[in-house]
Amino acid sequence: MLDFINYPVSFILWLWHAVFGALLGPDSGFAWALSVMFLVFTLRALLYKPFVHQVRSMRKMQEVAPRIQQLQRDHPDDPQRLTAEMRKLQSEQGFNPLGGCLPMIVQIPVFIGLFRVLNGFQPNEESNYFFGAEGVRSFLDAHLFGASLSGTLTAPAEALRTFGTDRASMLLVGVPLMIAAGIATHFTTRHSIARQRGERTPAAAPNQQAMMNRIMLWLFPAFAVIAGPFLPLAILLYWLANNFWTLGQQRIVFRRIDEEEAQRQQTPDAAPAVIDSSTGERVESHARPEDDERAELPGIPEDRSSDTGKPDEHR
């Protein structure tokens, strides 16, 4: 059903294997491992703009959250009026509630296709989407420090012998990959949570949010360790590469958005143009806003107490 995604994903993997296979050998485990990692990097690079759009949409939603909650309090029994006011607010602020979710929804089938392609290299298969029988055989024969990229830590000993490896080699490579994937997931989640804390609105529920943050902070990394023994090593490589990319991408995007926000806040409003009545030329206005307000109020005399340089004029 997702062949329109699976074939492009397998084609990207085929291209990277052609590159690294030419350098390291087509059956090299390092060539296949690098191909898997650069497949992840390529897909994440293609989804970079949707990720930026997602971050901007989420930030905009956090900024207008107090106004949304106020509308909900103002119209609790009038859903039609609430809907109309919400649409008006969305039009004024230029945001879409689905803007933060749509890029994530787009990514889901892409990574399902990636998982299916990597899991499609099986001993009894003659093809795997863009790969023919030779490509399938090359992947099945690929080993990383003696461990098969197609094998799992919980596979029976007979199945591991079919892949040309054993339990000790799988544990030697698989356990560090699982731990590294869990640590990378933890730091990625921690960085995202720290960002949310910095942008949290005053109306947010801190206790409930703190509980959800703690669950995400430890549940996601635990899942990498718990599910790791049942996943092929190639999937663990994908998981590790994906989290490293996510962590670096978050730092770059968040820093750039913060710099844009700081620059926008530091940019002063342009001073109004002033025309000299004697020359007709434009001159810069250095008047203070409070001076303009004082001048507009009738009946308030001009304060010349600061003109100490001309004492004779006040006598």
Foldseek 3Di string as FASTA:
>chain_A
DLLVQLQVLVVQLVVQLVVLCVVPNNLALVSNLVSLLVSLVVVVVVLLVLVLQLVVQVLLCQVCVVVLVVLCVVCVPPVVVSVVVVVVVCVVSVHDPCSNVVSVVVVVSNVVSSQQQQQVLDPVDQARNVGGNVNSVSQLQYDDQQARQNDFLPDDQVVRVVSVHGNVSCCVPQVVLLLLLLVLQLVLLVVVVVVCVVSHDPPDDVVVSVVVSVCSNRVVSVCSNVCSRVGGNSVSSSSNSNSVVSSVSCVVSVVVVVVVVVVVVPDDDAADWDADPVPRDTDHDPDDPVVVVQVVDPPDDDDPPVVPVCVVVVD
